[in-house]
C-alpha atoms as a PDB file:
ATOM      1  CA  UNK A   1     -10.219  -0.956 -16.237  1.00  0.00           C
ATOM      2  CA  UNK A   2     -11.289  -3.212 -13.402  1.00  0.00           C
ATOM      3  CA  UNK A   3     -10.963  -1.862  -9.893  1.00  0.00           C
ATOM      4  CA  UNK A   4      -8.353  -3.127  -7.447  1.00  0.00           C
ATOM      5  CA  UNK A   5      -8.578  -3.302  -3.676  1.00  0.00           C
ATOM      6  CA  UNK A   6      -5.480  -3.589  -1.506  1.00  0.00           C
ATOM      7  CA  UNK A   7      -4.846  -4.569   2.075  1.00  0.00           C
ATOM      8  CA  UNK A   8      -1.744  -5.118   4.168  1.00  0.00           C
ATOM      9  CA  UNK A   9      -0.535  -8.676   4.575  1.00  0.00           C
ATOM     10  CA  UNK A  10      -0.685 -10.199   8.052  1.00  0.00           C
ATOM     11  CA  UNK A  11       2.784 -11.735   7.600  1.00  0.00           C
ATOM     12  CA  UNK A  12       4.882  -8.578   7.633  1.00  0.00           C
ATOM     13  CA  UNK A  13       6.634  -6.575  10.291  1.00  0.00           C
ATOM     14  CA  UNK A  14       6.425  -2.798   9.938  1.00  0.00           C
ATOM     15  CA  UNK A  15       7.989   0.093  11.860  1.00  0.00           C
ATOM     16  CA  UNK A  16       7.488   3.810  11.513  1.00  0.00           C
ATOM     17  CA  UNK A  17      10.763   5.746  11.381  1.00  0.00           C
ATOM     18  CA  UNK A  18      10.139   9.452  11.079  1.00  0.00           C
ATOM     19  CA  UNK A  19       7.681   9.842   8.219  1.00  0.00           C
ATOM     20  CA  UNK A  20       8.651   6.599   6.500  1.00  0.00           C
ATOM     21  CA  UNK A  21       7.783   2.979   7.164  1.00  0.00           C
ATOM     22  CA  UNK A  22      10.215   0.070   7.104  1.00  0.00           C
ATOM     23  CA  UNK A  23       8.599  -3.283   6.235  1.00  0.00           C
ATOM     24  CA  UNK A  24      10.068  -6.763   6.317  1.00  0.00           C
ATOM     25  CA  UNK A  25       8.528  -9.539   4.268  1.00  0.00           C
ATOM     26  CA  UNK A  26       8.211 -12.764   6.230  1.00  0.00           C
ATOM     27  CA  UNK A  27       8.105 -14.649   2.928  1.00  0.00           C
ATOM     28  CA  UNK A  28      11.643 -13.768   1.835  1.00  0.00           C
ATOM     29  CA  UNK A  29      13.080 -11.480   4.575  1.00  0.00           C
ATOM     30  CA  UNK A  30      13.286  -8.577   2.135  1.00  0.00           C
ATOM     31  CA  UNK A  31      13.309  -5.099   3.700  1.00  0.00           C
ATOM     32  CA  UNK A  32      11.356  -2.253   2.145  1.00  0.00           C
ATOM     33  CA  UNK A  33      11.792   1.404   3.029  1.00  0.00           C
ATOM     34  CA  UNK A  34       8.581   3.211   2.078  1.00  0.00           C
ATOM     35  CA  UNK A  35       8.915   6.886   1.210  1.00  0.00           C
ATOM     36  CA  UNK A  36       6.162   9.392   2.019  1.00  0.00           C
ATOM     37  CA  UNK A  37       4.032   8.482  -1.012  1.00  0.00           C
ATOM     38  CA  UNK A  38       4.368   4.747  -0.413  1.00  0.00           C
ATOM     39  CA  UNK A  39       3.608   5.234   3.293  1.00  0.00           C
ATOM     40  CA  UNK A  40       0.433   7.089   2.337  1.00  0.00           C
ATOM     41  CA  UNK A  41      -0.631   4.136   0.170  1.00  0.00           C
ATOM     42  CA  UNK A  42       0.285   1.605   2.880  1.00  0.00           C
ATOM     43  CA  UNK A  43      -1.772   3.450   5.488  1.00  0.00           C
ATOM     44  CA  UNK A  44      -4.801   3.649   3.165  1.00  0.00           C
ATOM     45  CA  UNK A  45      -4.660  -0.075   2.228  1.00  0.00           C
ATOM     46  CA  UNK A  46      -7.753  -1.198   4.140  1.00  0.00           C
ATOM     47  CA  UNK A  47      -9.107  -3.716   1.617  1.00  0.00           C
ATOM     48  CA  UNK A  48     -12.354  -1.781   1.263  1.00  0.00           C
ATOM     49  CA  UNK A  49     -11.252   1.399  -0.503  1.00  0.00           C
ATOM     50  CA  UNK A  50     -10.742   1.107  -4.272  1.00  0.00           C
ATOM     51  CA  UNK A  51      -7.198   1.817  -5.416  1.00  0.00           C
ATOM     52  CA  UNK A  52      -8.455   4.597  -7.695  1.00  0.00           C
ATOM     53  CA  UNK A  53      -9.979   6.316  -4.664  1.00  0.00           C
ATOM     54  CA  UNK A  54      -6.749   5.955  -2.662  1.00  0.00           C
ATOM     55  CA  UNK A  55      -4.872   7.567  -5.540  1.00  0.00           C
ATOM     56  CA  UNK A  56      -7.398  10.384  -5.947  1.00  0.00           C
ATOM     57  CA  UNK A  57      -8.004  11.159  -2.255  1.00  0.00           C
ATOM     58  CA  UNK A  58      -4.544  10.643  -0.860  1.00  0.00           C
ATOM     59  CA  UNK A  59      -1.791  10.575  -3.460  1.00  0.00           C
ATOM     60  CA  UNK A  60      -3.054  13.273  -5.823  1.00  0.00           C
ATOM     61  CA  UNK A  61      -4.149  15.679  -3.102  1.00  0.00           C
ATOM     62  CA  UNK A  62      -1.150  15.257  -0.810  1.00  0.00           C
ATOM     63  CA  UNK A  63       1.544  15.139  -3.481  1.00  0.00           C
ATOM     64  CA  UNK A  64       0.095  17.274  -6.310  1.00  0.00           C
ATOM     65  CA  UNK A  65       0.356  14.749  -9.126  1.00  0.00           C
ATOM     66  CA  UNK A  66      -1.956  14.106 -12.071  1.00  0.00           C
ATOM     67  CA  UNK A  67      -4.403  11.194 -11.557  1.00  0.00           C
ATOM     68  CA  UNK A  68      -3.370   9.208 -14.644  1.00  0.00           C
ATOM     69  CA  UNK A  69       0.327   9.373 -13.816  1.00  0.00           C
ATOM     70  CA  UNK A  70      -0.291   8.684 -10.134  1.00  0.00           C
ATOM     71  CA  UNK A  71      -2.529   5.680 -10.811  1.00  0.00           C
ATOM     72  CA  UNK A  72      -0.046   4.109 -13.210  1.00  0.00           C
ATOM     73  CA  UNK A  73       2.843   4.556 -10.744  1.00  0.00           C
ATOM     74  CA  UNK A  74       0.808   3.398  -7.734  1.00  0.00           C
ATOM     75  CA  UNK A  75      -0.418   0.326  -9.605  1.00  0.00           C
ATOM     76  CA  UNK A  76       3.189  -0.670 -10.409  1.00  0.00           C
ATOM     77  CA  UNK A  77       4.208  -0.102  -6.782  1.00  0.00           C
ATOM     78  CA  UNK A  78       1.263  -2.141  -5.457  1.00  0.00           C
ATOM     79  CA  UNK A  79       1.980  -4.995  -7.860  1.00  0.00           C
ATOM     80  CA  UNK A  80       5.647  -5.061  -6.776  1.00  0.00           C
ATOM     81  CA  UNK A  81       4.723  -5.234  -3.078  1.00  0.00           C
ATOM     82  CA  UNK A  82       2.122  -7.903  -3.812  1.00  0.00           C
ATOM     83  CA  UNK A  83       4.817 -10.053  -5.465  1.00  0.00           C
ATOM     84  CA  UNK A  84       6.718  -9.968  -2.167  1.00  0.00           C
ATOM     85  CA  UNK A  85       3.637 -10.733  -0.084  1.00  0.00           C
ATOM     86  CA  UNK A  86       3.565  -7.249   1.475  1.00  0.00           C
ATOM     87  CA  UNK A  87       0.179  -6.264   0.038  1.00  0.00           C
ATOM     88  CA  UNK A  88      -2.789  -8.398  -0.941  1.00  0.00           C
ATOM     89  CA  UNK A  89      -4.528  -7.307  -4.152  1.00  0.00           C
ATOM     90  CA  UNK A  90      -8.098  -8.272  -4.997  1.00  0.00           C
ATOM     91  CA  UNK A  91     -10.725  -7.362  -7.572  1.00  0.00           C
ATOM     92  CA  UNK A  92     -13.360  -7.319  -4.811  1.00  0.00           C
ATOM     93  CA  UNK A  93     -13.544  -5.379  -1.530  1.00  0.00           C
ATOM     94  CA  UNK A  94     -12.242  -7.405   1.386  1.00  0.00           C
ATOM     95  CA  UNK A  95     -11.780  -7.208   5.095  1.00  0.00           C
ATOM     96  CA  UNK A  96      -8.268  -6.207   6.036  1.00  0.00           C
ATOM     97  CA  UNK A  97      -6.165  -9.355   6.350  1.00  0.00           C
ATOM     98  CA  UNK A  98      -5.007  -8.459   9.846  1.00  0.00           C
ATOM     99  CA  UNK A  99      -4.664  -5.444  12.063  1.00  0.00           C
ATOM    100  CA  UNK A 100      -1.404  -4.244  10.524  1.00  0.00           C
ATOM    101  CA  UNK A 101      -0.214  -1.961  13.231  1.00  0.00           C
ATOM    102  CA  UNK A 102       3.031  -0.152  12.743  1.00  0.00           C
ATOM    103  CA  UNK A 103       5.327  -0.348  15.728  1.00  0.00           C
ATOM    104  CA  UNK A 104       6.730   3.035  16.782  1.00  0.00           C
END
């Protein structure tokens, strides 16, 4: 398995509502409502941390899920957001695409 690195796209608008984040894709104006798990992944998407580490450190510890199951589900989620231009996926560490601040 090759490692993946994820970072937030600079062409999205994001707002924190309670404990969830709402994101709009500038590419196709699609709205995404990220639940607590997805918000955890979004916040950890710095382009430098391997996806496996994000799953282990954040998803598994905060949501009490097995690593294999969590990684498979997170990988599918990341790939879906990447198709909409919300996340950028790379096989190499990268600088975050832009300071993706979430508006309150």
